[in-house]
């Protein structure tokens, strides 16, 4: 899974932090200390951790993810992170540069 979305309410910048949905990588969510929850009134589940957003972003960087976008909408902050997939039998960086 090369993309991860991280969000929090601006008034709750010290946590909790939402870091995935029910289709997220369970191993990565465990690494982030997130548990699958369902908020009252929602028809979906999401992974949530008590860590501050900064701590979640630092953990994801250690796993090779980089922030590619950040936005604030209303009272919500959202970060989009990407981790490049390994190339399968693709050309090396030196190939094709002649």
N, C-alpha and C. Protein backbone atom coordinates (compact mmCIF):
# COMPACT_ATOMS: atom_id res chain seq x y z
N UNK A 1 0.84 -1.18 0.00
CA UNK A 1 0.00 0.00 0.00
C UNK A 1 0.88 1.23 0.00
N UNK A 2 0.97 1.91 -1.11
CA UNK A 2 1.90 3.02 -1.18
C UNK A 2 1.39 4.34 -0.60
N UNK A 3 0.08 4.49 -0.35
CA UNK A 3 -0.46 5.75 0.16
C UNK A 3 -1.06 5.56 1.55
N UNK A 4 -0.88 6.58 2.40
CA UNK A 4 -1.48 6.60 3.73
C UNK A 4 -2.02 8.01 3.95
N UNK A 5 -3.21 8.10 4.52
CA UNK A 5 -3.79 9.38 4.91
C UNK A 5 -3.79 9.46 6.43
N UNK A 6 -3.35 10.59 6.97
CA UNK A 6 -3.33 10.83 8.41
C UNK A 6 -4.15 12.09 8.65
N UNK A 7 -5.04 12.06 9.64
CA UNK A 7 -5.82 13.26 9.92
C UNK A 7 -6.09 13.42 11.40
N UNK A 8 -6.40 14.64 11.79
CA UNK A 8 -6.77 14.94 13.16
C UNK A 8 -7.63 16.20 13.16
N UNK A 9 -8.38 16.40 14.21
CA UNK A 9 -9.13 17.63 14.39
C UNK A 9 -8.16 18.69 14.90
N UNK A 10 -8.21 19.88 14.35
CA UNK A 10 -7.27 20.93 14.72
C UNK A 10 -7.32 21.21 16.22
N UNK A 11 -8.50 21.20 16.79
CA UNK A 11 -8.61 21.46 18.23
C UNK A 11 -8.07 20.31 19.06
N UNK A 12 -7.75 19.17 18.42
CA UNK A 12 -7.22 18.00 19.13
C UNK A 12 -5.83 17.64 18.61
N UNK A 13 -4.99 18.66 18.34
CA UNK A 13 -3.70 18.38 17.72
C UNK A 13 -2.80 17.49 18.57
N UNK A 14 -3.18 17.25 19.82
CA UNK A 14 -2.40 16.34 20.66
C UNK A 14 -2.95 14.92 20.59
N UNK A 15 -3.84 14.65 19.67
CA UNK A 15 -4.41 13.31 19.48
C UNK A 15 -5.88 13.33 19.83
N UNK A 16 -6.63 12.35 19.48
CA UNK A 16 -6.21 11.15 18.74
C UNK A 16 -5.96 11.47 17.27
N UNK A 17 -5.27 10.55 16.61
CA UNK A 17 -4.92 10.71 15.21
C UNK A 17 -5.50 9.55 14.42
N UNK A 18 -6.20 9.86 13.34
CA UNK A 18 -6.75 8.84 12.45
C UNK A 18 -5.70 8.53 11.40
N UNK A 19 -5.40 7.26 11.21
CA UNK A 19 -4.31 6.91 10.30
C UNK A 19 -4.64 5.77 9.35
N UNK A 20 -5.90 5.43 9.18
CA UNK A 20 -6.24 4.39 8.22
C UNK A 20 -7.71 4.03 8.27
N UNK A 21 -8.13 3.24 7.28
CA UNK A 21 -9.50 2.72 7.26
C UNK A 21 -9.46 1.20 7.35
N UNK A 22 -10.61 0.57 7.24
CA UNK A 22 -10.68 -0.88 7.44
C UNK A 22 -9.90 -1.67 6.39
N UNK A 23 -9.48 -1.04 5.31
CA UNK A 23 -8.69 -1.72 4.28
C UNK A 23 -7.20 -1.43 4.39
N UNK A 24 -6.78 -0.73 5.43
CA UNK A 24 -5.37 -0.41 5.62
C UNK A 24 -4.58 -1.64 6.04
N UNK A 25 -3.27 -1.58 5.83
CA UNK A 25 -2.37 -2.67 6.18
C UNK A 25 -2.38 -2.88 7.70
N UNK A 26 -2.88 -4.03 8.18
CA UNK A 26 -2.97 -4.25 9.63
C UNK A 26 -1.61 -4.21 10.33
N UNK A 27 -0.56 -4.69 9.67
CA UNK A 27 0.77 -4.68 10.28
C UNK A 27 1.26 -3.25 10.47
N UNK A 28 1.03 -2.39 9.48
CA UNK A 28 1.43 -0.99 9.59
C UNK A 28 0.62 -0.30 10.68
N UNK A 29 -0.66 -0.58 10.75
CA UNK A 29 -1.51 0.03 11.77
C UNK A 29 -1.07 -0.41 13.17
N UNK A 30 -0.66 -1.67 13.31
CA UNK A 30 -0.14 -2.16 14.60
C UNK A 30 1.14 -1.40 14.96
N UNK A 31 2.03 -1.21 13.98
CA UNK A 31 3.27 -0.45 14.19
C UNK A 31 2.97 0.97 14.67
N UNK A 32 1.89 1.56 14.14
CA UNK A 32 1.51 2.92 14.54
C UNK A 32 0.78 2.95 15.88
N UNK A 33 0.46 1.78 16.43
CA UNK A 33 -0.27 1.73 17.69
C UNK A 33 -1.74 2.06 17.52
N UNK A 34 -2.26 1.84 16.32
CA UNK A 34 -3.66 2.19 16.01
C UNK A 34 -4.58 0.99 16.18
N UNK A 35 -5.79 1.27 16.61
CA UNK A 35 -6.81 0.23 16.74
C UNK A 35 -8.00 0.59 15.85
N UNK A 36 -8.67 -0.44 15.37
CA UNK A 36 -9.82 -0.25 14.49
C UNK A 36 -11.03 0.14 15.33
N UNK A 37 -11.62 1.28 15.02
CA UNK A 37 -12.77 1.78 15.78
C UNK A 37 -13.87 2.20 14.82
N UNK A 38 -15.05 2.38 15.37
CA UNK A 38 -16.18 2.91 14.59
C UNK A 38 -16.85 3.99 15.42
N UNK A 39 -16.85 5.20 14.88
CA UNK A 39 -17.47 6.32 15.56
C UNK A 39 -18.98 6.23 15.42
N UNK A 40 -19.69 6.59 16.47
CA UNK A 40 -21.15 6.58 16.44
C UNK A 40 -21.64 7.44 15.28
N UNK A 41 -22.53 6.90 14.48
CA UNK A 41 -23.10 7.62 13.35
C UNK A 41 -22.39 7.37 12.03
N UNK A 42 -21.17 6.82 12.07
CA UNK A 42 -20.45 6.50 10.84
C UNK A 42 -20.81 5.10 10.38
N UNK A 43 -20.78 4.87 9.07
CA UNK A 43 -21.03 3.53 8.55
C UNK A 43 -19.72 2.88 8.09
N UNK A 44 -18.60 3.33 8.64
CA UNK A 44 -17.29 2.78 8.29
C UNK A 44 -16.42 2.72 9.54
N UNK A 45 -15.37 1.92 9.47
CA UNK A 45 -14.40 1.80 10.54
C UNK A 45 -13.14 2.58 10.16
N UNK A 46 -12.39 3.00 11.16
CA UNK A 46 -11.13 3.68 10.91
C UNK A 46 -10.13 3.31 11.99
N UNK A 47 -8.85 3.32 11.62
CA UNK A 47 -7.79 3.07 12.59
C UNK A 47 -7.45 4.39 13.27
N UNK A 48 -7.36 4.34 14.59
CA UNK A 48 -7.12 5.53 15.38
C UNK A 48 -6.05 5.23 16.43
N UNK A 49 -5.16 6.19 16.67
CA UNK A 49 -4.14 6.05 17.69
C UNK A 49 -4.19 7.27 18.62
N UNK A 50 -3.76 7.09 19.84
CA UNK A 50 -3.71 8.21 20.79
C UNK A 50 -2.47 9.07 20.58
N UNK A 51 -1.55 8.64 19.71
CA UNK A 51 -0.35 9.42 19.43
C UNK A 51 -0.69 10.74 18.75
N UNK A 52 0.16 11.72 18.97
CA UNK A 52 0.02 13.01 18.29
C UNK A 52 0.34 12.81 16.81
N UNK A 53 -0.24 13.65 15.94
CA UNK A 53 0.06 13.53 14.51
C UNK A 53 1.55 13.55 14.20
N UNK A 54 2.31 14.40 14.88
CA UNK A 54 3.75 14.47 14.65
C UNK A 54 4.42 13.13 14.90
N UNK A 55 4.00 12.43 15.95
CA UNK A 55 4.59 11.13 16.26
C UNK A 55 4.24 10.11 15.18
N UNK A 56 3.01 10.14 14.69
CA UNK A 56 2.59 9.22 13.62
C UNK A 56 3.39 9.51 12.35
N UNK A 57 3.54 10.79 12.00
CA UNK A 57 4.30 11.15 10.80
C UNK A 57 5.76 10.72 10.93
N UNK A 58 6.35 10.87 12.11
CA UNK A 58 7.73 10.43 12.33
C UNK A 58 7.86 8.92 12.16
N UNK A 59 6.91 8.16 12.70
CA UNK A 59 6.94 6.70 12.56
C UNK A 59 6.83 6.30 11.10
N UNK A 60 5.95 6.96 10.36
CA UNK A 60 5.78 6.63 8.95
C UNK A 60 7.03 6.97 8.14
N UNK A 61 7.71 8.06 8.50
CA UNK A 61 8.95 8.39 7.81
C UNK A 61 10.00 7.31 8.03
N UNK A 62 10.07 6.76 9.24
CA UNK A 62 11.01 5.67 9.51
C UNK A 62 10.70 4.44 8.67
N UNK A 63 9.47 4.30 8.23
CA UNK A 63 9.06 3.18 7.37
C UNK A 63 9.19 3.51 5.88
N UNK A 64 9.71 4.69 5.55
CA UNK A 64 9.94 5.03 4.15
C UNK A 64 8.87 5.89 3.50
N UNK A 65 7.89 6.34 4.26
CA UNK A 65 6.83 7.19 3.72
C UNK A 65 7.28 8.65 3.75
N UNK A 66 6.84 9.42 2.76
CA UNK A 66 7.13 10.85 2.68
C UNK A 66 5.83 11.61 2.52
N UNK A 67 5.72 12.75 3.21
CA UNK A 67 4.54 13.60 3.05
C UNK A 67 4.57 14.21 1.65
N UNK A 68 3.48 14.04 0.92
CA UNK A 68 3.40 14.64 -0.42
C UNK A 68 2.34 15.73 -0.49
N UNK A 69 1.48 15.81 0.54
CA UNK A 69 0.44 16.83 0.53
C UNK A 69 -0.07 17.02 1.96
N UNK A 70 -0.49 18.24 2.24
CA UNK A 70 -1.08 18.55 3.54
C UNK A 70 -2.16 19.59 3.29
N UNK A 71 -3.27 19.45 4.01
CA UNK A 71 -4.37 20.38 3.82
C UNK A 71 -5.17 20.52 5.10
N UNK A 72 -5.79 21.65 5.25
CA UNK A 72 -6.70 21.87 6.35
C UNK A 72 -8.07 22.23 5.79
N UNK A 73 -9.08 21.53 6.25
CA UNK A 73 -10.45 21.79 5.80
C UNK A 73 -11.32 21.91 7.03
N UNK A 74 -11.91 23.07 7.25
CA UNK A 74 -12.70 23.26 8.46
C UNK A 74 -11.82 23.05 9.68
N UNK A 75 -12.20 22.11 10.52
CA UNK A 75 -11.44 21.80 11.73
C UNK A 75 -10.56 20.57 11.57
N UNK A 76 -10.35 20.10 10.34
CA UNK A 76 -9.61 18.87 10.10
C UNK A 76 -8.31 19.14 9.36
N UNK A 77 -7.23 18.53 9.84
CA UNK A 77 -5.94 18.55 9.15
C UNK A 77 -5.74 17.18 8.53
N UNK A 78 -5.26 17.13 7.28
CA UNK A 78 -5.03 15.87 6.59
C UNK A 78 -3.65 15.90 5.94
N UNK A 79 -2.89 14.83 6.14
CA UNK A 79 -1.60 14.65 5.49
C UNK A 79 -1.71 13.43 4.59
N UNK A 80 -1.18 13.52 3.38
CA UNK A 80 -1.10 12.38 2.47
C UNK A 80 0.37 11.99 2.37
N UNK A 81 0.64 10.71 2.59
CA UNK A 81 2.00 10.20 2.52
C UNK A 81 2.09 9.13 1.45
N UNK A 82 3.26 8.99 0.85
CA UNK A 82 3.48 8.00 -0.20
C UNK A 82 4.79 7.27 0.06
N UNK A 83 4.79 5.98 -0.24
CA UNK A 83 5.99 5.16 -0.17
C UNK A 83 6.14 4.48 -1.52
N UNK A 84 7.22 4.76 -2.25
CA UNK A 84 7.39 4.14 -3.56
C UNK A 84 7.43 2.62 -3.45
N UNK A 85 6.79 1.98 -4.41
CA UNK A 85 6.83 0.53 -4.48
C UNK A 85 8.17 0.10 -5.07
N UNK A 86 8.71 -1.04 -4.63
CA UNK A 86 9.95 -1.52 -5.24
C UNK A 86 9.71 -1.87 -6.71
N UNK A 87 10.69 -1.57 -7.54
CA UNK A 87 10.57 -1.87 -8.96
C UNK A 87 10.76 -3.37 -9.18
N UNK A 88 9.83 -3.97 -9.90
CA UNK A 88 9.93 -5.39 -10.23
C UNK A 88 10.50 -5.53 -11.63
N UNK A 89 11.75 -5.96 -11.73
CA UNK A 89 12.41 -6.18 -13.02
C UNK A 89 12.40 -4.94 -13.90
N UNK A 90 12.30 -3.78 -13.30
CA UNK A 90 12.34 -2.55 -14.07
C UNK A 90 13.77 -2.15 -14.35
N UNK A 91 13.97 -1.18 -15.22
CA UNK A 91 15.33 -0.75 -15.53
C UNK A 91 15.97 -0.07 -14.32
N UNK A 92 17.27 -0.24 -14.18
CA UNK A 92 17.97 0.43 -13.10
C UNK A 92 18.07 1.91 -13.45
N UNK A 93 18.53 2.70 -12.51
CA UNK A 93 18.65 4.14 -12.76
C UNK A 93 19.66 4.44 -13.86
N UNK A 94 20.65 3.56 -14.04
CA UNK A 94 21.68 3.78 -15.05
C UNK A 94 21.22 3.39 -16.45
N UNK A 95 20.26 2.47 -16.54
CA UNK A 95 19.81 2.02 -17.85
C UNK A 95 19.00 3.11 -18.53
N UNK A 96 19.13 3.19 -19.82
CA UNK A 96 18.35 4.14 -20.60
C UNK A 96 18.86 5.56 -20.55
N UNK A 97 19.99 5.78 -19.91
CA UNK A 97 20.51 7.15 -19.82
C UNK A 97 21.72 7.34 -20.73
N UNK A 98 21.82 6.54 -21.78
CA UNK A 98 22.97 6.68 -22.68
C UNK A 98 22.74 7.74 -23.71
